[in-house]
Amino acid sequence: MYDEVKDKESKLIAQVRLQRQRQLYKDFNKAGKLRSTSVNNHVYGYGRSKANKEVWATKKAQKKAN
């Protein structure tokens, strides 16, 4: 969605929020001794393929910056 409108700042904010949400969910389940499921922290339209593209783009950008 953010790629289509070329809004990199909002995209980064959404990614950070998602990571934080996943970490909080993981901590919550650990504290309650519950089994975590990924169903509760998915974002519509952001699947494995798109995530892999983002990871490699980030790694490439970091490598270029160093």
C-alpha atoms as a PDB file:
ATOM      1  CA  MET A   1       0.000   0.000   0.000  1.00  0.00           C
ATOM      2  CA  TYR A   2       2.716   2.489   0.955  1.00  0.00           C
ATOM      3  CA  ASP A   3       4.810   1.510  -2.060  1.00  0.00           C
ATOM      4  CA  GLU A   4       2.007   2.535  -4.368  1.00  0.00           C
ATOM      5  CA  VAL A   5       1.886   6.063  -2.983  1.00  0.00           C
ATOM      6  CA  LYS A   6       5.649   6.191  -2.334  1.00  0.00           C
ATOM      7  CA  ASP A   7       5.215   7.094   1.330  1.00  0.00           C
ATOM      8  CA  LYS A   8       8.359   5.627   2.860  1.00  0.00           C
ATOM      9  CA  GLU A   9       8.015   7.379   6.218  1.00  0.00           C
ATOM     10  CA  SER A  10       4.529   6.009   6.876  1.00  0.00           C
ATOM     11  CA  LYS A  11       5.646   2.596   5.702  1.00  0.00           C
ATOM     12  CA  LEU A  12       8.529   2.596   8.179  1.00  0.00           C
ATOM     13  CA  ILE A  13       6.209   3.709  10.981  1.00  0.00           C
ATOM     14  CA  ALA A  14       3.786   0.886  10.159  1.00  0.00           C
ATOM     15  CA  GLN A  15       6.615  -1.648  10.114  1.00  0.00           C
ATOM     16  CA  VAL A  16       7.917  -0.501  13.492  1.00  0.00           C
ATOM     17  CA  ARG A  17       4.411  -0.602  14.968  1.00  0.00           C
ATOM     18  CA  LEU A  18       3.902  -4.135  13.663  1.00  0.00           C
ATOM     19  CA  GLN A  19       7.218  -5.297  15.110  1.00  0.00           C
ATOM     20  CA  ARG A  20       6.354  -3.724  18.460  1.00  0.00           C
ATOM     21  CA  GLN A  21       2.886  -5.286  18.416  1.00  0.00           C
ATOM     22  CA  ARG A  22       4.365  -8.714  17.742  1.00  0.00           C
ATOM     23  CA  GLN A  23       6.894  -8.302  20.552  1.00  0.00           C
ATOM     24  CA  LEU A  24       4.210  -7.214  23.028  1.00  0.00           C
ATOM     25  CA  TYR A  25       2.028 -10.145  22.000  1.00  0.00           C
ATOM     26  CA  LYS A  26       4.943 -12.532  22.432  1.00  0.00           C
ATOM     27  CA  ASP A  27       5.736 -11.113  25.892  1.00  0.00           C
ATOM     28  CA  PHE A  28       2.068 -11.294  26.906  1.00  0.00           C
ATOM     29  CA  ASN A  29       1.815 -14.946  25.917  1.00  0.00           C
ATOM     30  CA  LYS A  30       5.071 -15.769  27.674  1.00  0.00           C
ATOM     31  CA  ALA A  31       3.901 -14.097  30.897  1.00  0.00           C
ATOM     32  CA  GLY A  32       0.589 -15.955  30.783  1.00  0.00           C
ATOM     33  CA  LYS A  33       2.253 -19.216  29.712  1.00  0.00           C
ATOM     34  CA  LEU A  34       0.075 -19.254  26.596  1.00  0.00           C
ATOM     35  CA  ARG A  35       0.832 -20.570  23.160  1.00  0.00           C
ATOM     36  CA  SER A  36       1.149 -17.736  20.687  1.00  0.00           C
ATOM     37  CA  THR A  37      -0.544 -17.737  17.318  1.00  0.00           C
ATOM     38  CA  SER A  38       0.298 -15.438  14.461  1.00  0.00           C
ATOM     39  CA  VAL A  39      -3.369 -15.005  13.539  1.00  0.00           C
ATOM     40  CA  ASN A  40      -3.723 -12.099  15.940  1.00  0.00           C
ATOM     41  CA  ASN A  41      -0.971  -9.926  14.503  1.00  0.00           C
ATOM     42  CA  HIS A  42      -1.295 -10.099  10.733  1.00  0.00           C
ATOM     43  CA  VAL A  43      -1.642  -7.111   8.463  1.00  0.00           C
ATOM     44  CA  TYR A  44      -3.889  -7.500   5.441  1.00  0.00           C
ATOM     45  CA  GLY A  45      -1.897  -7.565   2.205  1.00  0.00           C
ATOM     46  CA  TYR A  46       1.459  -8.020   3.899  1.00  0.00           C
ATOM     47  CA  GLY A  47       2.392 -11.626   3.281  1.00  0.00           C
ATOM     48  CA  ARG A  48       5.566 -13.677   3.254  1.00  0.00           C
ATOM     49  CA  SER A  49       6.545 -12.618  -0.255  1.00  0.00           C
ATOM     50  CA  LYS A  50       6.224  -8.921   0.474  1.00  0.00           C
ATOM     51  CA  ALA A  51       8.006  -9.347   3.808  1.00  0.00           C
ATOM     52  CA  ASN A  52      10.951 -11.082   2.130  1.00  0.00           C
ATOM     53  CA  LYS A  53      11.229  -8.282  -0.408  1.00  0.00           C
ATOM     54  CA  GLU A  54      11.293  -5.754   2.422  1.00  0.00           C
ATOM     55  CA  VAL A  55      13.956  -7.679   4.326  1.00  0.00           C
ATOM     56  CA  TRP A  56      16.268  -7.887   1.337  1.00  0.00           C
ATOM     57  CA  ALA A  57      15.693  -4.261   0.401  1.00  0.00           C
ATOM     58  CA  THR A  58      16.560  -3.228   3.950  1.00  0.00           C
ATOM     59  CA  LYS A  59      19.681  -5.399   4.016  1.00  0.00           C
ATOM     60  CA  LYS A  60      20.775  -3.988   0.665  1.00  0.00           C
ATOM     61  CA  ALA A  61      20.231  -0.415   1.876  1.00  0.00           C
ATOM     62  CA  GLN A  62      22.160  -1.077   5.094  1.00  0.00           C
ATOM     63  CA  LYS A  63      25.029  -2.662   3.197  1.00  0.00           C
ATOM     64  CA  LYS A  64      25.127   0.306   0.827  1.00  0.00           C
ATOM     65  CA  ALA A  65      25.138   2.742   3.760  1.00  0.00           C
ATOM     66  CA  ASN A  66      28.117   1.017   5.372  1.00  0.00           C
END
